[in-house]
């Protein structure tokens, strides 16, 4: 199940978070936050075995071109270049027998790597 986004930047929301991703990110922010308002930044960087890598980290700064979206208590920021590559993507979190982790489903990826972190 995906969470309904609230786009705070009046730009198209490039990535949607599932409920499980929202809960895990909120838990990580609560453990990390030292009085700062943290947002999850999702970016696409050149590199990896298929051409691009996903990068996710907590951030407190936003650029004028950032697409900022609120999913319940979690704020997500994506830079404009990454937003074009992520358009229509979903971030999910799973905790299963084969390990726990985040997974991005990107309809724009024509080829993905076995590691799941690289795409073209």
C-alpha atoms as a PDB file:
ATOM      1  CA  UNK A   1       0.000   0.000   0.000  1.00  0.00           C
ATOM      2  CA  UNK A   2       1.392   3.415  -0.927  1.00  0.00           C
ATOM      3  CA  UNK A   3       0.982   6.563   1.061  1.00  0.00           C
ATOM      4  CA  UNK A   4      -0.788   9.524  -0.535  1.00  0.00           C
ATOM      5  CA  UNK A   5       1.816  12.256  -1.104  1.00  0.00           C
ATOM      6  CA  UNK A   6       1.428  15.947  -0.408  1.00  0.00           C
ATOM      7  CA  UNK A   7       3.601  17.842  -2.891  1.00  0.00           C
ATOM      8  CA  UNK A   8       5.035  20.848  -1.054  1.00  0.00           C
ATOM      9  CA  UNK A   9       6.839  22.266  -4.092  1.00  0.00           C
ATOM     10  CA  UNK A  10       3.995  22.426  -6.633  1.00  0.00           C
ATOM     11  CA  UNK A  11       5.983  20.129  -8.938  1.00  0.00           C
ATOM     12  CA  UNK A  12       5.137  16.583  -9.982  1.00  0.00           C
ATOM     13  CA  UNK A  13       5.971  14.051  -7.254  1.00  0.00           C
ATOM     14  CA  UNK A  14       8.780  11.886  -8.692  1.00  0.00           C
ATOM     15  CA  UNK A  15       8.702   9.075  -6.112  1.00  0.00           C
ATOM     16  CA  UNK A  16       6.024   7.625  -3.858  1.00  0.00           C
ATOM     17  CA  UNK A  17       6.678   5.841  -0.560  1.00  0.00           C
ATOM     18  CA  UNK A  18       4.799   2.766   0.589  1.00  0.00           C
ATOM     19  CA  UNK A  19       3.444   2.711   4.126  1.00  0.00           C
ATOM     20  CA  UNK A  20       6.237   0.370   5.222  1.00  0.00           C
ATOM     21  CA  UNK A  21       8.872   2.724   3.768  1.00  0.00           C
ATOM     22  CA  UNK A  22       7.298   5.707   5.544  1.00  0.00           C
ATOM     23  CA  UNK A  23       7.290   3.840   8.867  1.00  0.00           C
ATOM     24  CA  UNK A  24      10.945   2.768   8.521  1.00  0.00           C
ATOM     25  CA  UNK A  25      12.173   6.202   7.397  1.00  0.00           C
ATOM     26  CA  UNK A  26      10.273   7.854  10.267  1.00  0.00           C
ATOM     27  CA  UNK A  27      11.887   5.388  12.683  1.00  0.00           C
ATOM     28  CA  UNK A  28      15.371   6.134  11.284  1.00  0.00           C
ATOM     29  CA  UNK A  29      14.803   9.896  11.417  1.00  0.00           C
ATOM     30  CA  UNK A  30      13.619   9.649  15.034  1.00  0.00           C
ATOM     31  CA  UNK A  31      16.797   7.744  15.941  1.00  0.00           C
ATOM     32  CA  UNK A  32      19.018  10.167  13.988  1.00  0.00           C
ATOM     33  CA  UNK A  33      17.448  13.563  14.674  1.00  0.00           C
ATOM     34  CA  UNK A  34      19.157  15.811  17.145  1.00  0.00           C
ATOM     35  CA  UNK A  35      16.561  18.568  17.088  1.00  0.00           C
ATOM     36  CA  UNK A  36      16.941  19.118  13.339  1.00  0.00           C
ATOM     37  CA  UNK A  37      14.157  18.646  10.842  1.00  0.00           C
ATOM     38  CA  UNK A  38      15.521  15.925   8.584  1.00  0.00           C
ATOM     39  CA  UNK A  39      14.230  14.940   5.174  1.00  0.00           C
ATOM     40  CA  UNK A  40      15.017  11.840   3.180  1.00  0.00           C
ATOM     41  CA  UNK A  41      16.894  12.892   0.057  1.00  0.00           C
ATOM     42  CA  UNK A  42      16.598  10.486  -2.872  1.00  0.00           C
ATOM     43  CA  UNK A  43      19.032  11.127  -5.710  1.00  0.00           C
ATOM     44  CA  UNK A  44      20.316   9.476  -8.851  1.00  0.00           C
ATOM     45  CA  UNK A  45      24.068   9.664  -9.434  1.00  0.00           C
ATOM     46  CA  UNK A  46      26.164   8.524 -12.418  1.00  0.00           C
ATOM     47  CA  UNK A  47      27.982   5.264 -11.747  1.00  0.00           C
ATOM     48  CA  UNK A  48      27.436   1.631 -10.972  1.00  0.00           C
ATOM     49  CA  UNK A  49      27.550  -1.271 -13.364  1.00  0.00           C
ATOM     50  CA  UNK A  50      24.420  -0.165 -15.268  1.00  0.00           C
ATOM     51  CA  UNK A  51      25.043   3.593 -15.540  1.00  0.00           C
ATOM     52  CA  UNK A  52      23.219   5.168 -12.570  1.00  0.00           C
ATOM     53  CA  UNK A  53      23.100   4.550  -8.811  1.00  0.00           C
ATOM     54  CA  UNK A  54      20.397   5.445  -6.321  1.00  0.00           C
ATOM     55  CA  UNK A  55      21.567   7.496  -3.346  1.00  0.00           C
ATOM     56  CA  UNK A  56      19.501   8.039  -0.194  1.00  0.00           C
ATOM     57  CA  UNK A  57      20.538  10.081   2.828  1.00  0.00           C
ATOM     58  CA  UNK A  58      19.112  12.506   5.371  1.00  0.00           C
ATOM     59  CA  UNK A  59      19.345  16.194   4.551  1.00  0.00           C
ATOM     60  CA  UNK A  60      18.371  19.507   6.115  1.00  0.00           C
ATOM     61  CA  UNK A  61      18.963  21.782   3.115  1.00  0.00           C
ATOM     62  CA  UNK A  62      16.714  22.269   0.105  1.00  0.00           C
ATOM     63  CA  UNK A  63      17.466  23.896  -3.243  1.00  0.00           C
ATOM     64  CA  UNK A  64      15.067  26.061  -5.215  1.00  0.00           C
ATOM     65  CA  UNK A  65      14.677  23.280  -7.819  1.00  0.00           C
ATOM     66  CA  UNK A  66      14.082  20.480  -5.315  1.00  0.00           C
ATOM     67  CA  UNK A  67      10.815  18.597  -5.420  1.00  0.00           C
ATOM     68  CA  UNK A  68       9.767  18.249  -1.772  1.00  0.00           C
ATOM     69  CA  UNK A  69       6.933  15.882  -0.884  1.00  0.00           C
ATOM     70  CA  UNK A  70       5.392  14.999   2.477  1.00  0.00           C
ATOM     71  CA  UNK A  71       4.339  11.411   3.232  1.00  0.00           C
ATOM     72  CA  UNK A  72       2.637  11.477   6.639  1.00  0.00           C
ATOM     73  CA  UNK A  73       5.481  12.591   8.970  1.00  0.00           C
ATOM     74  CA  UNK A  74       8.256  12.017   6.413  1.00  0.00           C
ATOM     75  CA  UNK A  75       9.517  14.729   4.082  1.00  0.00           C
ATOM     76  CA  UNK A  76      11.238  13.560   0.874  1.00  0.00           C
ATOM     77  CA  UNK A  77      13.453  15.816  -1.270  1.00  0.00           C
ATOM     78  CA  UNK A  78      14.550  15.084  -4.845  1.00  0.00           C
ATOM     79  CA  UNK A  79      16.714  17.349  -7.005  1.00  0.00           C
ATOM     80  CA  UNK A  80      15.333  18.306 -10.444  1.00  0.00           C
ATOM     81  CA  UNK A  81      17.739  16.097 -12.481  1.00  0.00           C
ATOM     82  CA  UNK A  82      16.991  13.055 -10.319  1.00  0.00           C
ATOM     83  CA  UNK A  83      13.254  13.782 -10.417  1.00  0.00           C
ATOM     84  CA  UNK A  84      13.194  13.237 -14.179  1.00  0.00           C
ATOM     85  CA  UNK A  85      14.914   9.837 -13.789  1.00  0.00           C
ATOM     86  CA  UNK A  86      12.692   8.800 -10.857  1.00  0.00           C
ATOM     87  CA  UNK A  87       9.308   9.893 -12.265  1.00  0.00           C
ATOM     88  CA  UNK A  88       6.678   7.298 -11.318  1.00  0.00           C
ATOM     89  CA  UNK A  89       8.996   5.370  -8.970  1.00  0.00           C
ATOM     90  CA  UNK A  90       8.043   3.751  -5.668  1.00  0.00           C
ATOM     91  CA  UNK A  91      10.243   3.308  -2.592  1.00  0.00           C
ATOM     92  CA  UNK A  92       9.374   0.276  -0.488  1.00  0.00           C
ATOM     93  CA  UNK A  93      10.864  -1.281   2.639  1.00  0.00           C
ATOM     94  CA  UNK A  94      10.776  -5.005   3.315  1.00  0.00           C
ATOM     95  CA  UNK A  95      11.951  -6.980   6.319  1.00  0.00           C
ATOM     96  CA  UNK A  96      12.017 -10.615   5.290  1.00  0.00           C
ATOM     97  CA  UNK A  97      13.921 -13.859   5.512  1.00  0.00           C
ATOM     98  CA  UNK A  98      16.443 -12.767   2.911  1.00  0.00           C
ATOM     99  CA  UNK A  99      17.233  -9.532   4.733  1.00  0.00           C
ATOM    100  CA  UNK A 100      15.785  -6.130   5.281  1.00  0.00           C
ATOM    101  CA  UNK A 101      16.145  -3.117   3.057  1.00  0.00           C
ATOM    102  CA  UNK A 102      14.756  -0.435   0.819  1.00  0.00           C
ATOM    103  CA  UNK A 103      13.899  -1.145  -2.802  1.00  0.00           C
ATOM    104  CA  UNK A 104      13.085   1.330  -5.568  1.00  0.00           C
ATOM    105  CA  UNK A 105      10.786   0.230  -8.370  1.00  0.00           C
ATOM    106  CA  UNK A 106      11.516   2.557 -11.278  1.00  0.00           C
ATOM    107  CA  UNK A 107       9.396   2.296 -14.457  1.00  0.00           C
ATOM    108  CA  UNK A 108      12.033   4.356 -16.330  1.00  0.00           C
ATOM    109  CA  UNK A 109      14.813   1.802 -15.792  1.00  0.00           C
ATOM    110  CA  UNK A 110      15.447  -0.153 -18.997  1.00  0.00           C
ATOM    111  CA  UNK A 111      18.150  -2.330 -17.441  1.00  0.00           C
ATOM    112  CA  UNK A 112      18.977  -3.088 -13.808  1.00  0.00           C
ATOM    113  CA  UNK A 113      21.943  -4.691 -12.119  1.00  0.00           C
ATOM    114  CA  UNK A 114      21.805  -7.777  -9.913  1.00  0.00           C
ATOM    115  CA  UNK A 115      22.696  -5.607  -6.908  1.00  0.00           C
ATOM    116  CA  UNK A 116      19.429  -3.682  -7.282  1.00  0.00           C
ATOM    117  CA  UNK A 117      21.181  -0.328  -6.780  1.00  0.00           C
ATOM    118  CA  UNK A 118      22.231   0.351 -10.356  1.00  0.00           C
ATOM    119  CA  UNK A 119      20.120   0.974 -13.473  1.00  0.00           C
ATOM    120  CA  UNK A 120      20.168   2.498 -16.934  1.00  0.00           C
END
